[in-house]
């Protein structure tokens, strides 16, 4: 009886290791299935679970030595895959930038917050904005109530743009700095607005700011319409001269294939690379913690600091990046179009067009 129980436990452990390996490898498959794309989100959590499974194999070494060796190798492979993907987003050894070395007229503080449409803890968010005094603040998932509640911020940030949709995709941009030709656009034929504008920096230069909040597909749906919005935003920034920022709840992690392609097309850099994981979702969960909110930039900016603020009643934490305008800052230039990127963008555009409301 004990022998059968031990075998059953070992089989369950084997299934857990196999599931961990599959969860680590499947996101590398170039598929539009959202269930597979979703596996890219909890890579850190998968890695922790896989690491915890390894010592559980030890009691079975004498009874099933070869099987234990195979399972241990599978677990190590899963850990290696997750480690390679996540390694650029760790902060070990990252030197702390000297913020004081950046002249005051070249600094730019950008803050974003998905407020959660049904959240009513507005005073908490207002307090965070007033305490940190961002130059640019993008609020997402706002409705008429949130629009009225956030209105007092306009006293200090009088420039802006707003689009209330009556859904979870309304947004409002506040700015201390003058805006140049602010425009609300609907990218890739979707019903989710984006805000594209020039921002007059303190040194007199104009930078492009693009705020975006693509709709996440439901489980069982294609991820391509979301990707099409990301690629459309990338093409806008690719064609703009000068410094530029892409910000918003992308409903995607910075290591996802679609986000990395977006960066390649536009020539963007993620400040999380080398600075840390800095999760921004889910503020209401103890385990689901991953970075969905992004503030990326083109060459000419460098990040001085990244900060996840405290909970404000939303399922997202506010996210803050302190930038310095530095024409000599090293960042990747927009990569030449390659055949694979072009094919993926075309596929996403076609899917977005076919599913547009």
Protein backbone atom coordinates (compact mmCIF):
# COMPACT_ATOMS: atom_id res chain seq x y z
CA UNK A 1 0.00 0.00 0.00
CA UNK A 2 2.79 2.42 0.93
CA UNK A 3 4.64 1.51 -2.23
CA UNK A 4 1.60 2.41 -4.36
CA UNK A 5 1.12 5.66 -2.46
CA UNK A 6 4.79 6.55 -3.00
CA UNK A 7 4.50 5.79 -6.72
CA UNK A 8 1.35 7.93 -6.96
CA UNK A 9 3.11 10.84 -5.26
CA UNK A 10 6.09 10.47 -7.56
CA UNK A 11 3.82 10.48 -10.61
CA UNK A 12 2.14 13.67 -9.39
CA UNK A 13 5.55 15.24 -8.87
CA UNK A 14 6.55 14.18 -12.36
CA UNK A 15 3.43 15.78 -13.82
CA UNK A 16 4.21 19.01 -11.93
CA UNK A 17 7.75 19.12 -13.34
CA UNK A 18 6.46 18.37 -16.84
CA UNK A 19 3.90 21.18 -16.50
CA UNK A 20 6.60 23.59 -15.33
CA UNK A 21 8.78 22.69 -18.31
CA UNK A 22 5.88 23.09 -20.74
CA UNK A 23 4.94 26.48 -19.19
CA UNK A 24 8.52 27.67 -19.69
CA UNK A 25 8.92 26.44 -23.26
CA UNK A 26 5.48 27.08 -24.79
CA UNK A 27 5.75 30.92 -24.87
CA UNK A 28 8.67 30.51 -27.28
CA UNK A 29 6.24 29.07 -29.82
CA UNK A 30 5.24 31.83 -32.28
CA UNK A 31 1.50 31.45 -31.86
CA UNK A 32 -1.35 33.94 -31.56
CA UNK A 33 -3.23 31.78 -29.00
CA UNK A 34 -3.83 33.91 -25.93
CA UNK A 35 -3.56 30.96 -23.55
CA UNK A 36 0.03 30.41 -24.71
CA UNK A 37 0.82 34.15 -24.68
CA UNK A 38 -0.56 34.35 -21.13
CA UNK A 39 2.11 31.88 -19.99
CA UNK A 40 4.70 34.60 -20.61
CA UNK A 41 3.31 36.67 -17.71
CA UNK A 42 4.13 34.50 -14.64
CA UNK A 43 7.66 33.39 -15.59
CA UNK A 44 9.04 34.49 -12.24
CA UNK A 45 6.31 32.57 -10.42
CA UNK A 46 6.91 29.48 -12.58
CA UNK A 47 10.60 29.68 -11.76
CA UNK A 48 9.93 29.83 -8.03
CA UNK A 49 7.58 26.83 -8.20
CA UNK A 50 10.08 24.85 -10.29
CA UNK A 51 12.86 25.61 -7.83
CA UNK A 52 10.65 24.37 -5.00
CA UNK A 53 10.00 21.10 -6.85
CA UNK A 54 13.68 20.12 -7.05
CA UNK A 55 14.22 19.17 -3.37
CA UNK A 56 10.96 17.20 -3.41
CA UNK A 57 12.65 14.76 -5.80
CA UNK A 58 15.30 13.74 -3.25
CA UNK A 59 13.21 11.20 -1.29
CA UNK A 60 12.65 9.26 -4.53
CA UNK A 61 16.29 8.98 -5.66
CA UNK A 62 16.83 5.44 -4.35
CA UNK A 63 13.53 4.09 -5.66
CA UNK A 64 13.52 5.73 -9.12
CA UNK A 65 17.05 7.00 -9.82
CA UNK A 66 16.79 7.35 -13.60
CA UNK A 67 13.36 8.94 -13.50
CA UNK A 68 14.50 11.38 -10.81
CA UNK A 69 17.54 12.31 -12.92
CA UNK A 70 15.31 12.96 -15.95
CA UNK A 71 12.89 15.06 -13.91
CA UNK A 72 15.73 17.02 -12.27
CA UNK A 73 17.19 17.74 -15.72
CA UNK A 74 13.77 18.90 -16.92
CA UNK A 75 13.37 21.19 -13.92
CA UNK A 76 16.84 22.66 -14.44
CA UNK A 77 16.04 23.25 -18.11
CA UNK A 78 12.81 25.05 -17.15
CA UNK A 79 14.73 27.19 -14.66
CA UNK A 80 17.37 27.97 -17.27
CA UNK A 81 14.77 29.08 -19.82
CA UNK A 82 12.97 31.33 -17.34
CA UNK A 83 16.30 32.63 -16.06
CA UNK A 84 17.52 33.59 -19.53
CA UNK A 85 14.26 35.43 -20.28
CA UNK A 86 14.16 37.29 -16.97
CA UNK A 87 17.90 37.95 -16.50
CA UNK A 88 17.90 41.33 -18.32
CA UNK A 89 15.20 42.50 -15.90
CA UNK A 90 17.21 42.05 -12.70
CA UNK A 91 19.06 44.82 -10.91
CA UNK A 92 22.14 43.10 -9.53
CA UNK A 93 25.17 45.36 -9.90
CA UNK A 94 23.27 48.18 -11.58
CA UNK A 95 24.97 51.46 -10.65
CA UNK A 96 22.65 54.06 -9.18
CA UNK A 97 22.52 57.04 -11.57
CA UNK A 98 23.48 60.42 -10.19
CA UNK A 99 20.24 62.37 -10.59
CA UNK A 100 21.99 65.58 -9.58
CA UNK A 101 24.28 65.26 -12.60
CA UNK A 102 21.24 65.83 -14.81
CA UNK A 103 20.43 69.55 -15.11
CA UNK A 104 16.99 70.49 -13.82
CA UNK A 105 15.85 71.72 -17.22
CA UNK A 106 16.57 68.29 -18.72
CA UNK A 107 14.65 66.20 -16.19
CA UNK A 108 11.26 64.69 -16.94
CA UNK A 109 9.12 62.76 -14.45
CA UNK A 110 6.50 60.50 -16.08
CA UNK A 111 3.76 58.78 -14.06
CA UNK A 112 1.06 56.41 -15.26
CA UNK A 113 -1.81 54.75 -13.43
CA UNK A 114 -4.53 52.35 -14.49
CA UNK A 115 -7.03 53.56 -11.92
CA UNK A 116 -9.54 50.67 -12.36
CA UNK A 117 -12.88 51.96 -13.56
CA UNK A 118 -14.83 50.66 -10.54
CA UNK A 119 -12.29 51.94 -7.99
CA UNK A 120 -13.43 54.92 -5.92
CA UNK A 121 -10.33 55.54 -3.78
CA UNK A 122 -9.60 58.69 -5.72
CA UNK A 123 -8.09 60.65 -2.81
CA UNK A 124 -5.31 58.09 -2.47
CA UNK A 125 -4.31 58.51 -6.10
CA UNK A 126 -4.65 62.29 -5.95
CA UNK A 127 -2.35 62.28 -2.92
CA UNK A 128 0.29 60.26 -4.77
CA UNK A 129 0.19 62.58 -7.78
CA UNK A 130 0.47 65.68 -5.61
CA UNK A 131 3.28 64.15 -3.54
CA UNK A 132 5.44 63.13 -6.51
CA UNK A 133 4.61 66.09 -8.79
CA UNK A 134 5.07 64.35 -12.16
CA UNK A 135 5.57 66.45 -15.27
CA UNK A 136 3.31 64.07 -17.21
CA UNK A 137 0.57 61.92 -15.72
CA UNK A 138 -1.47 59.44 -17.76
CA UNK A 139 -4.62 58.05 -16.13
CA UNK A 140 -6.28 55.02 -17.74
CA UNK A 141 -9.66 53.32 -17.28
CA UNK A 142 -11.35 56.58 -16.42
CA UNK A 143 -15.04 57.37 -16.82
CA UNK A 144 -16.97 60.61 -16.27
CA UNK A 145 -16.72 60.19 -12.48
CA UNK A 146 -12.96 59.80 -12.60
CA UNK A 147 -12.65 62.66 -15.05
CA UNK A 148 -14.45 65.00 -12.63
CA UNK A 149 -12.53 63.68 -9.63
CA UNK A 150 -9.13 64.16 -11.25
CA UNK A 151 -10.00 67.66 -12.51
CA UNK A 152 -8.26 69.44 -9.56
CA UNK A 153 -4.93 68.18 -10.93
CA UNK A 154 -5.40 70.57 -13.85
CA UNK A 155 -4.56 73.46 -11.53
CA UNK A 156 -0.90 72.37 -11.54
CA UNK A 157 -0.97 70.43 -14.83
CA UNK A 158 -3.08 72.65 -17.10
CA UNK A 159 -2.18 70.99 -20.40
CA UNK A 160 -3.76 67.74 -21.46
CA UNK A 161 -6.03 65.60 -23.58
CA UNK A 162 -9.01 63.43 -22.69
CA UNK A 163 -11.11 60.70 -24.24
CA UNK A 164 -13.98 59.18 -22.27
CA UNK A 165 -15.27 56.04 -23.95
CA UNK A 166 -17.94 54.75 -21.58
CA UNK A 167 -15.84 51.57 -21.27
CA UNK A 168 -12.67 50.49 -19.51
CA UNK A 169 -10.51 52.34 -22.03
CA UNK A 170 -11.07 56.01 -21.28
CA UNK A 171 -7.89 57.97 -20.62
CA UNK A 172 -6.76 61.43 -19.62
CA UNK A 173 -3.35 63.02 -19.95
CA UNK A 174 -2.20 65.79 -17.58
CA UNK A 175 0.97 67.80 -18.21
CA UNK A 176 2.86 70.61 -16.50
CA UNK A 177 4.63 71.22 -19.79
CA UNK A 178 2.95 72.67 -22.88
CA UNK A 179 1.64 70.12 -25.37
CA UNK A 180 2.09 70.43 -29.12
CA UNK A 181 -0.78 69.24 -31.34
CA UNK A 182 -2.31 66.69 -28.94
CA UNK A 183 -4.36 64.11 -30.82
CA UNK A 184 -6.59 61.21 -29.81
CA UNK A 185 -6.21 58.28 -32.18
CA UNK A 186 -7.70 54.83 -32.54
CA UNK A 187 -4.84 52.59 -33.62
CA UNK A 188 -5.17 49.49 -35.79
CA UNK A 189 -8.91 50.01 -36.20
CA UNK A 190 -9.58 49.26 -32.53
CA UNK A 191 -12.06 51.01 -30.21
CA UNK A 192 -9.39 51.83 -27.61
CA UNK A 193 -8.05 55.39 -27.76
CA UNK A 194 -4.43 56.44 -27.66
CA UNK A 195 -3.05 59.94 -27.09
CA UNK A 196 -0.25 61.20 -29.34
CA UNK A 197 1.26 64.58 -28.59
CA UNK A 198 4.38 66.66 -28.61
CA UNK A 199 5.65 67.82 -25.21
CA UNK A 200 7.63 71.04 -24.94
CA UNK A 201 10.52 70.20 -22.63
CA UNK A 202 12.02 72.76 -20.27
CA UNK A 203 15.08 73.21 -22.46
CA UNK A 204 12.82 74.19 -25.39
CA UNK A 205 13.03 70.90 -27.27
CA UNK A 206 9.88 68.95 -28.25
CA UNK A 207 9.55 65.26 -27.42
CA UNK A 208 6.80 62.91 -28.60
CA UNK A 209 4.60 61.22 -26.01
CA UNK A 210 2.31 58.32 -26.94
CA UNK A 211 -0.08 56.95 -24.31
CA UNK A 212 -1.67 53.60 -25.10
CA UNK A 213 -3.89 51.00 -23.42
CA UNK A 214 -4.61 48.10 -25.78
CA UNK A 215 -7.47 45.75 -25.04
CA UNK A 216 -6.36 42.33 -23.74
CA UNK A 217 -7.94 39.42 -25.62
CA UNK A 218 -9.91 36.95 -23.53
CA UNK A 219 -8.72 33.39 -23.08
CA UNK A 220 -9.49 31.55 -26.29
CA UNK A 221 -9.11 34.67 -28.42
CA UNK A 222 -6.21 35.78 -30.56
CA UNK A 223 -3.54 38.08 -29.15
CA UNK A 224 -2.97 39.65 -32.57
CA UNK A 225 -5.35 42.65 -32.22
CA UNK A 226 -3.44 43.71 -29.09
CA UNK A 227 -0.16 43.24 -30.93
CA UNK A 228 -1.44 45.29 -33.88
CA UNK A 229 -1.99 48.28 -31.58
CA UNK A 230 1.53 47.95 -30.22
CA UNK A 231 3.00 47.80 -33.72
CA UNK A 232 0.90 50.77 -34.87
CA UNK A 233 2.26 52.80 -31.95
CA UNK A 234 5.78 51.66 -32.80
CA UNK A 235 5.43 52.84 -36.40
CA UNK A 236 4.23 56.27 -35.24
CA UNK A 237 7.29 56.67 -33.03
CA UNK A 238 9.63 55.25 -35.67
CA UNK A 239 8.56 58.02 -38.04
CA UNK A 240 8.98 60.80 -35.46
CA UNK A 241 12.28 62.65 -35.18
CA UNK A 242 13.75 63.45 -31.81
CA UNK A 243 13.16 61.98 -28.37
CA UNK A 244 9.98 60.00 -27.72
CA UNK A 245 8.18 58.08 -24.98
CA UNK A 246 5.71 55.18 -25.16
CA UNK A 247 3.72 54.77 -21.95
CA UNK A 248 0.69 52.89 -20.72
CA UNK A 249 -0.78 49.63 -19.54
CA UNK A 250 0.31 47.48 -22.47
CA UNK A 251 -1.37 44.33 -21.15
CA UNK A 252 1.96 42.68 -21.98
CA UNK A 253 5.21 42.04 -20.14
CA UNK A 254 8.46 43.68 -21.31
CA UNK A 255 9.99 40.32 -22.31
CA UNK A 256 7.07 39.26 -24.55
CA UNK A 257 7.87 38.80 -28.21
CA UNK A 258 5.34 41.44 -29.31
CA UNK A 259 6.79 44.05 -26.94
CA UNK A 260 10.35 43.33 -28.00
CA UNK A 261 9.28 43.65 -31.65
CA UNK A 262 7.60 46.96 -30.79
CA UNK A 263 10.89 48.16 -29.33
CA UNK A 264 12.85 47.04 -32.36
CA UNK A 265 10.52 48.81 -34.79
CA UNK A 266 10.49 52.09 -32.86
CA UNK A 267 14.03 51.95 -31.47
CA UNK A 268 12.79 51.98 -27.86
CA UNK A 269 14.60 50.92 -24.73
CA UNK A 270 12.96 49.53 -21.58
CA UNK A 271 14.29 51.10 -18.37
CA UNK A 272 13.49 47.84 -16.58
CA UNK A 273 16.41 46.19 -18.40
CA UNK A 274 19.14 46.36 -15.80
CA UNK A 275 17.01 48.20 -13.25
CA UNK A 276 14.76 45.40 -12.04
CA UNK A 277 11.51 43.50 -12.39
CA UNK A 278 9.38 46.29 -10.82
CA UNK A 279 5.94 44.67 -11.10
CA UNK A 280 2.90 46.93 -11.46
CA UNK A 281 0.07 44.34 -11.42
CA UNK A 282 -1.82 42.77 -9.57
CA UNK A 283 -2.14 44.97 -6.49
CA UNK A 284 -5.02 42.79 -5.30
CA UNK A 285 -3.22 39.44 -5.53
CA UNK A 286 -0.46 37.95 -3.39
CA UNK A 287 1.04 35.88 -6.20
CA UNK A 288 0.09 37.44 -9.58
CA UNK A 289 2.82 40.06 -9.77
CA UNK A 290 4.14 41.09 -13.16
CA UNK A 291 5.10 44.31 -15.00
CA UNK A 292 2.27 45.23 -17.39
CA UNK A 293 2.67 49.02 -17.17
CA UNK A 294 5.51 50.35 -19.29
CA UNK A 295 7.31 53.64 -19.83
CA UNK A 296 9.81 53.08 -22.65
CA UNK A 297 11.77 55.72 -24.54
CA UNK A 298 13.78 56.36 -27.69
CA UNK A 299 17.46 57.34 -27.74
CA UNK A 300 18.06 60.70 -26.13
CA UNK A 301 16.59 59.84 -22.73
CA UNK A 302 18.10 57.82 -19.93
CA UNK A 303 16.37 56.56 -16.80
CA UNK A 304 17.41 58.03 -13.46
CA UNK A 305 15.01 55.94 -11.39
CA UNK A 306 12.01 53.62 -11.55
CA UNK A 307 9.41 53.46 -8.83
CA UNK A 308 6.29 51.47 -8.11
CA UNK A 309 4.07 53.51 -5.80
CA UNK A 310 1.74 52.20 -3.11
CA UNK A 311 -1.72 50.71 -3.70
CA UNK A 312 -4.45 53.17 -4.69
CA UNK A 313 -7.46 50.84 -4.75
CA UNK A 314 -6.80 49.65 -8.29
CA UNK A 315 -5.51 46.28 -9.46
CA UNK A 316 -2.52 48.23 -10.85
CA UNK A 317 0.05 50.18 -8.89
CA UNK A 318 0.99 53.63 -10.18
CA UNK A 319 4.33 53.48 -11.98
CA UNK A 320 6.86 56.30 -12.12
CA UNK A 321 10.01 56.79 -14.22
CA UNK A 322 12.37 59.72 -13.76
CA UNK A 323 14.08 60.51 -17.07
CA UNK A 324 16.95 62.74 -18.10
CA UNK A 325 17.14 64.25 -21.58
CA UNK A 326 20.61 63.25 -22.70
CA UNK A 327 21.42 63.42 -26.43
CA UNK A 328 24.47 61.21 -25.80
CA UNK A 329 22.56 58.51 -23.91
CA UNK A 330 23.21 55.08 -25.39
CA UNK A 331 20.12 53.28 -26.62
CA UNK A 332 19.36 51.05 -29.60
CA UNK A 333 18.49 52.74 -32.86
CA UNK A 334 15.46 51.51 -34.75
CA UNK A 335 16.38 48.16 -36.30
CA UNK A 336 16.08 47.71 -40.05
CA UNK A 337 12.89 45.94 -41.02
CA UNK A 338 13.39 42.21 -41.34
CA UNK A 339 11.22 39.65 -43.04
CA UNK A 340 9.98 38.04 -39.83
CA UNK A 341 8.97 41.33 -38.19
CA UNK A 342 7.24 42.47 -41.37
CA UNK A 343 5.28 39.21 -41.61
CA UNK A 344 4.23 39.37 -37.95
CA UNK A 345 3.12 42.99 -38.25
CA UNK A 346 1.10 42.23 -41.39
CA UNK A 347 -0.53 39.25 -39.70
CA UNK A 348 -1.46 41.34 -36.67
CA UNK A 349 -2.83 44.17 -38.86
CA UNK A 350 -5.00 41.71 -40.78
CA UNK A 351 -6.34 40.17 -37.57
CA UNK A 352 -7.08 43.59 -36.06
CA UNK A 353 -8.93 44.67 -39.19
CA UNK A 354 -10.99 41.50 -39.24
CA UNK A 355 -12.00 41.84 -35.58
CA UNK A 356 -12.46 45.62 -35.47
CA UNK A 357 -15.85 46.67 -34.04
